[in-house]
Amino acid sequence: MGATYHHDVLIIGSGAAGLTVALNLPETARIAVLSKSSLLSGSTLYAQGGIAAVLHDNDSAKSHIEDTLVAGAGLCHRNAVKFTVENSKPAIDWLLKLGVSFTKLEDESDEYHLTKEGGHSHRRVIHAADATGKAVSTTLNDQVRMRPNIDVFENRVAIDLITHKKLFLPGNRCIGAYVLNRQTSHVELFQARFIVLATGGASKAYLYTSNPDGATGDGIAMAWRSGCRVANMEFNQFHPTCLYHPQAKAYLITEAVRGEGGYLLLPNGKRFMEKFDKRKELAPRDIVARAIDHEMKRLGADHLYLDISHKPAEFVKEHFPTIYEGCLKFGIDITKDPIPIVPAAHYTCGGVVTDLNGASDVNQLYVVGESSFTGLHGANRLASNSLLECLVFASAVAKDIERQFYAIPAPPKAPTWDESLVTDSDEDVVLSHNWDELRRFMWDYVGIVRTTKRLQRAKHRVDLLAQEIKDYYSNYKVTNDLLELRNLVTVSDLIICSALQRRESRGLHFTLDYPEQQKKAKDTVLTPINFSERE
């Protein structure tokens, strides 16, 4: 039997969103932070480009807001965009105060170097060379480790949230979670007065992705099963440029390479983006990804190229040291050679519906970061707004918890996990087969370009998988692979259902059956009571 833990605040997820919540809460609060692997295992670590913020006199909040709205293709919630942008400078100031070492200009002005990425009208992306996520993650990690009121639990995978409704109690409150300890294989009970989901996105639903292995949509699936609405799950951002190499797993080539003058090339060495958008390589990601996908299919090519070799070698090495070293390991010298690239699933723009405080439909349950739907990203996320959203909304979550900290009583006692009726599985091959099947049909049928027939095929297959996984979950002891696959099947179903409802092409959702954009922009909101997946 697993252990039982009691805290004031339970934070599930250890990326920028989760750790920022923890560090902004009062030091009198007892906080538990759960990480699926190590504290530094989330997607934040891999973020290269930077954080968009209004930091220079020649820029303005109005301009940043407008760029975000344009990229979002009419679906951004203006109040969420305004809230995020207006809190961008305080978020960066907080990171600087913690000691994040952002890159400065070479002159003696002591100003920070700002880069420009696709969709931005100004240089406003502050960065730490090309390893911003690493600089932010390690700093937040160090700060969390020093706080005596924060307990870190690594190698923990959340199974499901515990709510009043699941315990047949009156009210609509979340009071904790059942959690698998990956080292002991025991299921532990975590209870708290407030629960925060900061579990990241669901890009591992796709065969090719820039995300680490843990991006399996856990928080979105758990919140859905607990009664939360989700919105705009059809908008999956495919990063246009991931390194194409048989040994290169999830190696992203930052947008900043194009921001600093990189060219996208066909196999014959010719540029092609001018055929698709007047902004060429600096068009928003959805346009660039579709253009690359179109040219690859037209030519029957496995990949295209991104070339920065026309810039001075020292410039390239100084601005992109991580990418330079990373590509060199695969025999590619980016100061001399073009980089073979392919689009890959990168970011989940939809998620669990929250307000501007990060509060969900279930009382005392907050969702922050890529797991959430705040209305910021609309139909397509503007480059480098993701870390900004994590920071701004994590701070808002912490403030809202602090505001009602003493008004929320301790939760009622929940039962411990019962596994008396299940056995160890001797059929793990089923999991690996289903995992592979899911990611392949999601890539083929629910990818960059869609059709109604492809989506219907995907729906049929995901329904069969969901039933298989439900039977498996009911009869065997839980494992990490089973839990992740269960969540991916749930989230994939939400993506497919959302895509079938949107009968237009907008932002990241492009369908050949409805290529035009409707005049009125509407969110796709799914409610659990209408779906059989709710348990």
Protein backbone atom coordinates (compact mmCIF):
# COMPACT_ATOMS: atom_id res chain seq x y z
CA MET A 1 0.00 0.00 0.00
CA GLY A 2 1.29 3.45 -0.89
CA ALA A 3 1.85 6.37 1.45
CA THR A 4 -0.60 9.20 2.15
CA TYR A 5 0.47 12.87 2.05
CA HIS A 6 -1.30 16.05 3.17
CA HIS A 7 -0.39 19.56 1.95
CA ASP A 8 -1.99 22.96 1.49
CA VAL A 9 -1.27 23.04 -2.24
CA LEU A 10 -0.62 20.09 -4.57
CA ILE A 11 1.09 21.05 -7.86
CA ILE A 12 1.15 18.33 -10.51
CA GLY A 13 3.90 19.22 -13.00
CA SER A 14 7.38 20.68 -12.63
CA GLY A 15 7.88 22.91 -15.67
CA ALA A 16 7.94 26.72 -15.69
CA ALA A 17 4.21 26.92 -14.87
CA GLY A 18 4.23 24.59 -11.87
CA LEU A 19 7.45 25.89 -10.32
CA THR A 20 6.39 29.52 -10.80
CA VAL A 21 3.16 28.83 -8.90
CA ALA A 22 5.17 27.22 -6.08
CA LEU A 23 7.64 30.11 -5.82
CA ASN A 24 4.89 32.76 -5.77
CA LEU A 25 2.88 31.16 -2.96
CA PRO A 26 3.40 32.26 0.67
CA GLU A 27 6.28 30.53 2.42
CA THR A 28 3.82 29.55 5.16
CA ALA A 29 2.03 27.23 2.73
CA ARG A 30 3.01 23.54 2.66
CA ILE A 31 3.44 22.72 -1.01
CA ALA A 32 3.93 19.43 -2.85
CA VAL A 33 5.40 19.49 -6.38
CA LEU A 34 5.06 16.26 -8.38
CA SER A 35 7.32 15.48 -11.35
CA LYS A 36 6.90 12.51 -13.71
CA SER A 37 10.65 12.04 -13.83
CA SER A 38 13.24 14.48 -12.51
CA LEU A 39 12.35 18.06 -11.64
CA LEU A 40 14.04 19.18 -14.87
CA SER A 41 12.25 16.75 -17.18
CA GLY A 42 9.45 18.97 -18.56
CA SER A 43 9.11 20.74 -21.90
CA THR A 44 10.40 24.04 -20.49
CA LEU A 45 13.96 22.68 -20.47
CA TYR A 46 13.87 22.26 -24.25
CA ALA A 47 12.54 25.72 -25.13
CA GLN A 48 15.15 27.42 -27.28
CA GLY A 49 13.81 30.69 -28.65
CA GLY A 50 12.85 32.84 -25.68
CA ILE A 51 10.05 34.80 -24.04
CA ALA A 52 8.05 37.51 -25.82
CA ALA A 53 7.66 40.69 -23.77
CA VAL A 54 7.41 44.44 -24.26
CA LEU A 55 10.82 45.56 -23.02
CA HIS A 56 11.99 48.34 -25.35
CA ASP A 57 10.80 51.89 -25.93
CA ASN A 58 10.32 51.30 -29.65
CA ASP A 59 7.84 48.51 -28.89
CA SER A 60 4.39 48.76 -27.28
CA ALA A 61 1.78 46.62 -25.57
CA LYS A 62 -0.62 47.59 -28.34
CA SER A 63 1.73 46.14 -30.97
CA HIS A 64 2.31 42.89 -29.06
CA ILE A 65 -1.45 42.51 -28.52
CA GLU A 66 -2.14 43.09 -32.21
CA ASP A 67 0.51 40.57 -33.33
CA THR A 68 -0.99 37.97 -30.99
CA LEU A 69 -4.51 38.62 -32.28
CA VAL A 70 -3.40 38.38 -35.91
CA ALA A 71 -1.57 35.08 -35.33
CA GLY A 72 -4.61 33.73 -33.45
CA ALA A 73 -6.78 34.13 -36.58
CA GLY A 74 -9.77 35.74 -34.88
CA LEU A 75 -10.10 33.30 -31.96
CA CYS A 76 -7.94 34.96 -29.29
CA HIS A 77 -9.83 36.36 -26.29
CA ARG A 78 -8.79 40.00 -26.21
CA ASN A 79 -9.04 40.23 -22.42
CA ALA A 80 -6.65 37.28 -22.01
CA VAL A 81 -4.21 38.72 -24.56
CA LYS A 82 -4.27 42.15 -22.91
CA PHE A 83 -3.82 40.62 -19.43
CA THR A 84 -0.84 38.55 -20.59
CA VAL A 85 0.95 41.29 -22.51
CA GLU A 86 0.47 43.92 -19.79
CA ASN A 87 2.04 41.54 -17.28
CA SER A 88 4.95 40.55 -19.51
CA LYS A 89 7.52 42.98 -18.13
CA PRO A 90 6.81 42.13 -14.46
CA ALA A 91 7.24 38.44 -15.39
CA ILE A 92 10.65 39.08 -16.94
CA ASP A 93 11.68 41.33 -14.03
CA TRP A 94 10.83 38.46 -11.66
CA LEU A 95 13.05 36.05 -13.59
CA LEU A 96 15.88 38.57 -13.61
CA LYS A 97 15.50 38.99 -9.85
CA LEU A 98 15.82 35.22 -9.46
CA GLY A 99 19.02 35.29 -11.48
CA VAL A 100 18.16 34.08 -14.99
CA SER A 101 21.07 35.08 -17.25
CA PHE A 102 19.53 36.48 -20.41
CA THR A 103 21.81 37.40 -23.32
CA LYS A 104 22.95 41.03 -23.43
CA LEU A 105 24.01 43.22 -26.33
CA GLU A 106 27.69 43.22 -27.21
CA ASP A 107 28.04 46.96 -26.58
CA GLU A 108 28.48 48.50 -23.14
CA SER A 109 24.85 49.61 -22.78
CA ASP A 110 23.93 46.72 -20.46
CA GLU A 111 20.74 46.21 -22.48
CA TYR A 112 19.41 42.78 -23.34
CA HIS A 113 19.54 41.35 -26.85
CA LEU A 114 16.03 40.95 -28.25
CA THR A 115 15.37 38.76 -31.25
CA LYS A 116 12.49 38.78 -33.72
CA GLU A 117 10.47 35.69 -34.57
CA GLY A 118 7.71 34.82 -37.02
CA GLY A 119 4.54 36.90 -36.60
CA HIS A 120 6.19 39.61 -34.47
CA SER A 121 6.42 43.18 -35.77
CA HIS A 122 9.25 44.11 -33.38
CA ARG A 123 12.29 42.57 -31.76
CA ARG A 124 10.79 41.61 -28.40
CA VAL A 125 11.93 38.06 -27.62
CA ILE A 126 14.36 38.04 -24.69
CA HIS A 127 16.51 34.92 -24.60
CA ALA A 128 19.50 33.15 -23.09
CA ALA A 129 21.41 32.40 -26.32
CA ASP A 130 19.44 29.49 -27.85
CA ALA A 131 18.81 27.67 -24.57
CA THR A 132 16.30 29.94 -22.80
CA GLY A 133 14.29 27.05 -21.38
CA LYS A 134 17.37 25.55 -19.79
CA ALA A 135 18.31 28.87 -18.16
CA VAL A 136 14.78 29.35 -16.80
CA SER A 137 14.33 25.72 -15.69
CA THR A 138 17.61 25.45 -13.83
CA THR A 139 17.05 28.76 -12.04
CA LEU A 140 13.51 27.84 -10.95
CA ASN A 141 14.72 24.37 -9.94
CA ASP A 142 17.48 25.83 -7.76
CA GLN A 143 15.03 28.21 -6.09
CA VAL A 144 12.48 25.47 -5.36
CA ARG A 145 15.16 23.22 -3.86
CA MET A 146 16.05 25.98 -1.39
CA ARG A 147 12.49 26.50 -0.07
CA PRO A 148 11.85 24.44 3.09
CA ASN A 149 8.07 24.66 2.60
CA ILE A 150 8.19 22.94 -0.81
CA ASP A 151 8.33 19.13 -0.91
CA VAL A 152 9.50 17.72 -4.24
CA PHE A 153 8.25 14.27 -5.28
CA GLU A 154 10.04 12.95 -8.37
CA ASN A 155 9.14 9.89 -10.46
CA ARG A 156 5.44 10.35 -9.69
CA VAL A 157 2.70 9.92 -12.31
CA ALA A 158 -0.78 11.20 -11.43
CA ILE A 159 -3.52 8.65 -12.16
CA ASP A 160 -6.69 10.64 -11.49
CA LEU A 161 -8.01 13.57 -9.51
CA ILE A 162 -10.23 13.00 -6.47
CA THR A 163 -13.37 15.12 -6.37
CA HIS A 164 -16.45 15.35 -4.16
CA LYS A 165 -18.55 13.95 -7.00
CA LYS A 166 -16.36 10.86 -7.35
CA LEU A 167 -16.73 10.27 -3.61
CA PHE A 168 -20.51 10.92 -3.81
CA LEU A 169 -20.16 13.96 -1.55
CA PRO A 170 -22.14 17.20 -2.02
CA GLY A 171 -20.44 20.06 -3.84
CA ASN A 172 -17.99 20.34 -6.72
CA ARG A 173 -14.54 20.37 -5.12
CA CYS A 174 -11.19 18.76 -6.00
CA ILE A 175 -9.43 17.40 -2.90
CA GLY A 176 -6.40 15.52 -4.21
CA ALA A 177 -5.06 12.87 -6.54
CA TYR A 178 -4.06 9.23 -6.74
CA VAL A 179 -0.43 9.04 -7.84
CA LEU A 180 1.76 6.16 -9.03
CA ASN A 181 5.24 6.06 -7.50
CA ARG A 182 7.28 4.80 -10.47
CA GLN A 183 10.10 3.55 -8.23
CA THR A 184 8.02 1.47 -5.81
CA SER A 185 5.06 0.75 -8.16
CA HIS A 186 2.74 1.65 -5.27
CA VAL A 187 -0.17 4.07 -5.63
CA GLU A 188 0.01 6.98 -3.19
CA LEU A 189 -2.71 9.34 -1.98
CA PHE A 190 -2.02 13.08 -2.09
CA GLN A 191 -4.57 15.41 -0.52
CA ALA A 192 -4.56 19.21 -0.45
CA ARG A 193 -6.83 22.22 -0.09
CA PHE A 194 -5.85 23.45 -3.56
CA ILE A 195 -4.73 21.43 -6.60
CA VAL A 196 -2.85 22.87 -9.58
CA LEU A 197 -2.45 21.02 -12.89
CA ALA A 198 0.68 22.15 -14.76
CA THR A 199 1.30 19.01 -16.79
CA GLY A 200 2.04 20.42 -20.24
CA GLY A 201 0.59 19.53 -23.62
CA ALA A 202 -0.26 16.42 -25.61
CA SER A 203 2.05 16.43 -28.64
CA LYS A 204 3.15 12.83 -28.00
CA ALA A 205 -0.18 11.91 -29.58
CA TYR A 206 1.68 12.39 -32.87
CA LEU A 207 4.37 10.25 -34.48
CA TYR A 208 6.77 13.17 -34.95
CA THR A 209 7.08 15.71 -32.15
CA SER A 210 9.55 18.17 -30.70
CA ASN A 211 8.30 17.40 -27.17
CA PRO A 212 9.87 15.16 -24.50
CA ASP A 213 8.30 11.77 -23.77
CA GLY A 214 6.19 13.08 -20.88
CA ALA A 215 3.96 15.33 -23.05
CA THR A 216 1.03 12.91 -22.96
CA GLY A 217 -1.86 15.25 -22.09
CA ASP A 218 -2.21 13.92 -18.53
CA GLY A 219 -3.67 17.06 -16.97
CA ILE A 220 -6.16 17.64 -19.79
CA ALA A 221 -7.38 14.02 -19.59
CA MET A 222 -7.63 14.02 -15.78
CA ALA A 223 -9.51 17.33 -15.72
CA TRP A 224 -11.88 16.07 -18.43
CA ARG A 225 -12.62 12.92 -16.44
CA SER A 226 -13.29 15.14 -13.41
CA GLY A 227 -15.92 17.26 -15.16
CA CYS A 228 -13.97 20.17 -16.69
CA ARG A 229 -14.73 21.59 -20.10
CA VAL A 230 -12.00 21.64 -22.73
CA ALA A 231 -11.78 24.01 -25.69
CA ASN A 232 -10.11 24.35 -29.10
CA MET A 233 -8.32 21.01 -29.00
CA GLU A 234 -8.23 20.89 -32.81
CA PHE A 235 -5.51 23.54 -32.87
CA ASN A 236 -2.26 21.59 -32.66
CA GLN A 237 0.77 23.64 -33.56
CA PHE A 238 3.33 21.91 -35.74
CA HIS A 239 6.73 23.50 -35.46
CA PRO A 240 7.97 23.96 -39.03
CA THR A 241 11.60 23.07 -38.36
CA CYS A 242 12.70 19.98 -36.46
CA LEU A 243 15.98 18.33 -37.40
CA TYR A 244 15.43 15.41 -39.78
CA HIS A 245 17.91 12.69 -38.88
CA PRO A 246 17.40 9.02 -37.93
CA GLN A 247 19.28 9.48 -34.65
CA ALA A 248 17.87 12.91 -33.78
CA LYS A 249 14.94 12.37 -31.43
CA ALA A 250 12.80 15.49 -30.83
CA TYR A 251 15.50 17.99 -31.84
CA LEU A 252 13.90 21.36 -32.54
CA ILE A 253 15.55 24.10 -34.62
CA THR A 254 14.42 27.37 -33.06
CA GLU A 255 12.34 29.92 -34.93
CA ALA A 256 15.09 32.44 -34.16
CA VAL A 257 17.24 30.88 -36.91
CA ARG A 258 14.70 32.23 -39.40
CA GLY A 259 14.39 35.41 -37.34
CA GLU A 260 18.11 36.03 -37.81
CA GLY A 261 17.97 35.51 -41.58
CA GLY A 262 17.76 31.75 -42.20
CA TYR A 263 16.30 30.59 -45.53
CA LEU A 264 13.95 27.67 -46.14
CA LEU A 265 15.10 25.71 -49.19
CA LEU A 266 13.84 22.98 -51.50
CA PRO A 267 16.11 19.99 -52.20
CA ASN A 268 17.39 21.86 -55.29
CA GLY A 269 18.53 24.76 -53.09
CA LYS A 270 15.77 27.22 -54.12
CA ARG A 271 13.72 29.31 -51.69
CA PHE A 272 9.94 28.82 -51.86
CA MET A 273 8.19 30.73 -49.05
CA GLU A 274 7.46 33.78 -51.24
CA LYS A 275 4.88 31.61 -53.05
CA PHE A 276 2.91 31.21 -49.82
CA ASP A 277 3.23 34.47 -47.87
CA LYS A 278 4.74 37.92 -48.39
CA ARG A 279 6.48 37.59 -45.02
CA LYS A 280 8.36 34.58 -46.43
CA GLU A 281 10.30 32.75 -43.69
CA LEU A 282 8.89 35.07 -41.02
CA ALA A 283 5.26 34.13 -41.60
CA PRO A 284 3.41 32.59 -38.61
CA ARG A 285 4.13 28.94 -37.86
CA ASP A 286 0.90 27.52 -39.27
CA ILE A 287 1.58 29.05 -42.68
CA VAL A 288 5.22 27.94 -42.72
CA ALA A 289 4.39 24.39 -41.58
CA ARG A 290 1.68 24.00 -44.24
CA ALA A 291 4.03 25.36 -46.91
CA ILE A 292 6.72 22.85 -45.99
CA ASP A 293 4.15 20.03 -45.83
CA HIS A 294 2.80 21.06 -49.26
CA GLU A 295 6.23 21.12 -50.90
CA MET A 296 7.27 17.80 -49.34
CA LYS A 297 4.11 16.12 -50.65
CA ARG A 298 4.40 17.81 -54.06
CA LEU A 299 7.98 16.63 -54.47
CA GLY A 300 7.68 13.34 -52.61
CA ALA A 301 10.51 14.54 -50.36
CA ASP A 302 11.23 13.21 -46.88
CA HIS A 303 12.44 16.63 -45.74
CA LEU A 304 13.41 20.14 -46.82
CA TYR A 305 16.22 22.42 -45.60
CA LEU A 306 16.84 25.45 -43.37
CA ASP A 307 19.99 27.37 -44.23
CA ILE A 308 21.85 29.95 -42.12
CA SER A 309 25.28 29.22 -43.63
CA HIS A 310 25.30 32.49 -45.63
CA LYS A 311 25.80 34.35 -42.32
CA PRO A 312 29.32 34.69 -40.85
CA ALA A 313 30.39 31.56 -38.97
CA GLU A 314 31.09 33.48 -35.76
CA PHE A 315 27.63 35.06 -35.88
CA VAL A 316 26.03 31.62 -36.19
CA LYS A 317 28.10 30.10 -33.37
CA GLU A 318 27.45 33.06 -31.06
CA HIS A 319 23.68 33.17 -31.60
CA PHE A 320 23.01 29.43 -31.85
CA PRO A 321 25.68 27.59 -29.84
CA THR A 322 23.36 24.80 -28.71
CA ILE A 323 22.06 24.09 -32.21
CA TYR A 324 25.58 24.33 -33.66
CA GLU A 325 26.91 21.74 -31.21
CA GLY A 326 23.80 19.58 -31.46
CA CYS A 327 23.87 19.38 -35.26
CA LEU A 328 27.62 18.80 -35.28
CA LYS A 329 27.01 15.55 -33.37
CA PHE A 330 25.06 14.36 -36.41
CA GLY A 331 27.74 15.48 -38.87
CA ILE A 332 26.03 18.75 -39.87
CA ASP A 333 28.06 21.97 -39.66
CA ILE A 334 25.40 24.68 -39.80
CA THR A 335 28.01 27.34 -40.61
CA LYS A 336 28.63 25.51 -43.92
CA ASP A 337 25.66 23.26 -44.61
CA PRO A 338 21.87 23.58 -44.72
CA ILE A 339 19.97 21.75 -41.97
CA PRO A 340 17.57 18.97 -43.05
CA ILE A 341 14.20 19.73 -41.44
CA VAL A 342 10.64 18.40 -41.14
CA PRO A 343 7.55 19.77 -39.32
CA ALA A 344 6.68 18.10 -36.00
CA ALA A 345 3.89 18.39 -33.41
CA HIS A 346 5.00 21.08 -31.01
CA TYR A 347 2.27 22.75 -28.97
CA THR A 348 -1.31 22.14 -27.83
CA CYS A 349 -3.17 25.46 -28.20
CA GLY A 350 -6.37 24.17 -26.64
CA GLY A 351 -6.85 22.75 -23.17
CA VAL A 352 -8.86 22.91 -19.97
CA VAL A 353 -11.09 26.00 -19.84
CA THR A 354 -9.98 28.46 -17.13
CA ASP A 355 -10.59 32.07 -16.15
CA LEU A 356 -7.86 34.70 -15.84
CA ASN A 357 -7.01 33.33 -12.39
CA GLY A 358 -6.38 29.87 -13.81
CA ALA A 359 -9.49 28.47 -12.08
CA SER A 360 -11.29 25.57 -13.80
CA ASP A 361 -14.91 24.37 -13.67
CA VAL A 362 -14.12 22.30 -10.55
CA ASN A 363 -13.69 24.22 -7.30
CA GLN A 364 -10.13 24.50 -5.94
CA LEU A 365 -8.73 23.01 -9.16
CA TYR A 366 -6.44 25.29 -11.17
CA VAL A 367 -4.89 24.61 -14.56
CA VAL A 368 -1.91 26.59 -15.86
CA GLY A 369 0.45 26.53 -18.85
CA GLU A 370 0.02 24.35 -21.92
CA SER A 371 -2.67 22.21 -20.22
CA SER A 372 -4.97 25.23 -20.00
CA PHE A 373 -7.20 27.14 -22.37
CA THR A 374 -7.04 30.78 -21.33
CA GLY A 375 -8.04 32.27 -24.68
CA LEU A 376 -4.55 33.68 -25.26
CA HIS A 377 -3.49 31.62 -28.26
CA GLY A 378 -6.65 31.43 -30.36
CA ALA A 379 -6.26 29.33 -33.50
CA ASN A 380 -2.47 29.63 -33.54
CA ARG A 381 0.06 30.53 -30.85
CA LEU A 382 2.39 33.43 -31.58
CA ALA A 383 6.03 32.42 -31.20
CA SER A 384 7.48 32.75 -27.68
CA ASN A 385 4.12 33.53 -26.03
CA SER A 386 4.08 30.09 -24.37
CA LEU A 387 6.64 30.64 -21.60
CA LEU A 388 5.10 34.08 -21.09
CA GLU A 389 1.68 32.50 -20.51
CA CYS A 390 3.20 30.07 -17.99
CA LEU A 391 4.77 32.89 -15.98
CA VAL A 392 1.87 35.34 -16.06
CA PHE A 393 -0.91 32.85 -15.28
CA ALA A 394 1.15 30.97 -12.69
CA SER A 395 1.52 34.24 -10.80
CA ALA A 396 -2.25 34.81 -11.11
CA VAL A 397 -2.96 31.30 -9.77
CA ALA A 398 -0.71 31.88 -6.76
CA LYS A 399 -2.40 35.21 -6.00
CA ASP A 400 -5.87 33.65 -6.21
CA ILE A 401 -4.89 30.79 -3.89
CA GLU A 402 -3.33 33.23 -1.42
CA ARG A 403 -6.48 35.39 -1.52
CA GLN A 404 -8.69 32.55 -0.29
CA PHE A 405 -6.00 30.56 1.54
CA TYR A 406 -7.61 30.62 5.00
CA ALA A 407 -11.20 30.42 3.76
CA ILE A 408 -10.89 26.90 2.32
CA PRO A 409 -11.02 24.14 4.95
CA ALA A 410 -8.97 20.95 4.92
CA PRO A 411 -10.43 18.35 2.54
CA PRO A 412 -12.45 15.37 3.78
CA LYS A 413 -10.50 12.14 4.03
CA ALA A 414 -10.37 10.15 0.79
CA PRO A 415 -10.06 6.36 0.58
CA THR A 416 -6.71 4.85 -0.32
CA TRP A 417 -6.25 3.20 -3.73
CA ASP A 418 -7.84 -0.24 -4.02
CA GLU A 419 -6.05 -2.72 -6.28
CA SER A 420 -7.36 -5.89 -4.65
CA LEU A 421 -9.23 -6.98 -7.79
CA VAL A 422 -6.44 -6.44 -10.36
CA THR A 423 -3.35 -8.45 -11.34
CA ASP A 424 0.04 -7.84 -12.94
CA SER A 425 -0.19 -7.80 -16.72
CA ASP A 426 1.58 -10.30 -18.94
CA GLU A 427 0.33 -8.53 -22.07
CA ASP A 428 2.50 -5.40 -22.27
CA VAL A 429 2.87 -5.96 -26.02
CA VAL A 430 -0.72 -4.71 -26.31
CA LEU A 431 0.32 -1.35 -24.88
CA SER A 432 3.28 -0.87 -27.22
CA HIS A 433 1.20 -1.88 -30.25
CA ASN A 434 -1.66 0.46 -29.32
CA TRP A 435 0.75 3.31 -28.57
CA ASP A 436 2.32 2.96 -32.02
CA GLU A 437 -1.04 2.64 -33.78
CA LEU A 438 -2.43 5.76 -32.07
CA ARG A 439 0.51 8.00 -32.94
CA ARG A 440 0.58 6.82 -36.56
CA PHE A 441 -3.10 7.34 -37.34
CA MET A 442 -3.06 10.70 -35.53
CA TRP A 443 -0.14 11.76 -37.77
CA ASP A 444 -1.74 10.43 -40.97
CA TYR A 445 -5.37 11.47 -40.36
CA VAL A 446 -5.31 14.36 -37.86
CA GLY A 447 -2.11 16.13 -38.94
CA ILE A 448 -1.21 19.40 -40.67
CA VAL A 449 -3.79 18.96 -43.46
CA ARG A 450 -7.08 17.16 -42.70
CA THR A 451 -10.23 15.89 -44.42
CA THR A 452 -13.56 14.78 -42.96
CA LYS A 453 -13.00 11.22 -44.16
CA ARG A 454 -9.57 11.07 -42.48
CA LEU A 455 -11.03 12.41 -39.24
CA GLN A 456 -13.88 9.87 -39.32
CA ARG A 457 -11.36 7.06 -39.80
CA ALA A 458 -9.37 8.36 -36.85
CA LYS A 459 -12.54 8.56 -34.73
CA HIS A 460 -13.39 4.93 -35.50
CA ARG A 461 -9.90 3.78 -34.53
CA VAL A 462 -9.69 5.86 -31.35
CA ASP A 463 -13.05 4.50 -30.18
CA LEU A 464 -11.76 0.93 -30.52
CA LEU A 465 -8.56 1.82 -28.69
CA ALA A 466 -10.47 3.56 -25.90
CA GLN A 467 -12.50 0.40 -25.23
CA GLU A 468 -9.38 -1.78 -25.24
CA ILE A 469 -7.61 0.53 -22.81
CA LYS A 470 -10.66 0.73 -20.55
CA ASP A 471 -10.78 -3.08 -20.32
CA TYR A 472 -7.03 -3.22 -19.70
CA TYR A 473 -7.20 -0.50 -17.02
CA SER A 474 -10.00 -2.34 -15.22
CA ASN A 475 -8.15 -5.66 -14.98
CA TYR A 476 -4.46 -4.92 -14.50
CA LYS A 477 -2.28 -2.96 -12.12
CA VAL A 478 -1.46 0.52 -13.36
CA THR A 479 1.90 1.24 -14.95
CA ASN A 480 3.46 4.39 -16.36
CA ASP A 481 2.91 3.22 -19.97
CA LEU A 482 -0.73 2.31 -19.33
CA LEU A 483 -1.51 5.65 -17.67
CA GLU A 484 0.15 7.68 -20.43
CA LEU A 485 -1.57 5.69 -23.20
CA ARG A 486 -4.94 6.01 -21.41
CA ASN A 487 -4.50 9.79 -21.29
CA LEU A 488 -3.28 10.04 -24.89
CA VAL A 489 -6.30 8.10 -26.15
CA THR A 490 -8.61 10.44 -24.22
CA VAL A 491 -6.90 13.58 -25.51
CA SER A 492 -6.69 12.24 -29.08
CA ASP A 493 -10.45 11.64 -28.98
CA LEU A 494 -10.96 15.24 -27.83
CA ILE A 495 -8.74 16.50 -30.68
CA ILE A 496 -10.65 14.45 -33.27
CA CYS A 497 -14.11 15.44 -31.95
CA SER A 498 -13.09 19.11 -31.92
CA ALA A 499 -11.72 18.90 -35.47
CA LEU A 500 -14.91 17.26 -36.76
CA GLN A 501 -16.98 20.09 -35.27
CA ARG A 502 -14.98 22.85 -37.00
CA ARG A 503 -16.29 23.12 -40.54
CA GLU A 504 -13.84 25.72 -41.77
CA SER A 505 -10.10 26.24 -42.09
CA ARG A 506 -8.72 28.60 -39.50
CA GLY A 507 -5.22 28.96 -38.06
CA LEU A 508 -3.72 25.57 -37.29
CA HIS A 509 -6.83 23.64 -38.39
CA PHE A 510 -6.76 23.21 -42.17
CA THR A 511 -9.23 20.90 -43.89
CA LEU A 512 -9.50 20.30 -47.63
CA ASP A 513 -13.27 19.84 -47.30
CA TYR A 514 -13.80 23.33 -45.83
CA PRO A 515 -10.87 25.44 -47.10
CA GLU A 516 -12.57 28.78 -46.44
CA GLN A 517 -12.76 30.63 -43.13
CA GLN A 518 -16.22 31.35 -41.74
CA LYS A 519 -17.12 34.98 -41.06
CA LYS A 520 -17.83 34.44 -37.38
CA ALA A 521 -15.09 32.97 -35.20
CA LYS A 522 -16.31 30.57 -32.49
CA ASP A 523 -14.46 28.44 -29.96
CA THR A 524 -15.00 24.68 -29.98
CA VAL A 525 -16.02 23.85 -26.41
CA LEU A 526 -16.57 20.25 -25.32
CA THR A 527 -18.46 19.39 -22.12
CA PRO A 528 -17.80 16.03 -20.39
CA ILE A 529 -21.44 15.19 -19.70
CA ASN A 530 -21.96 14.79 -23.44
CA PHE A 531 -19.23 12.16 -23.78
CA SER A 532 -19.04 8.56 -22.61
CA GLU A 533 -15.38 8.95 -21.53
CA ARG A 534 -16.40 10.63 -18.27
CA GLU A 535 -16.01 8.16 -15.42
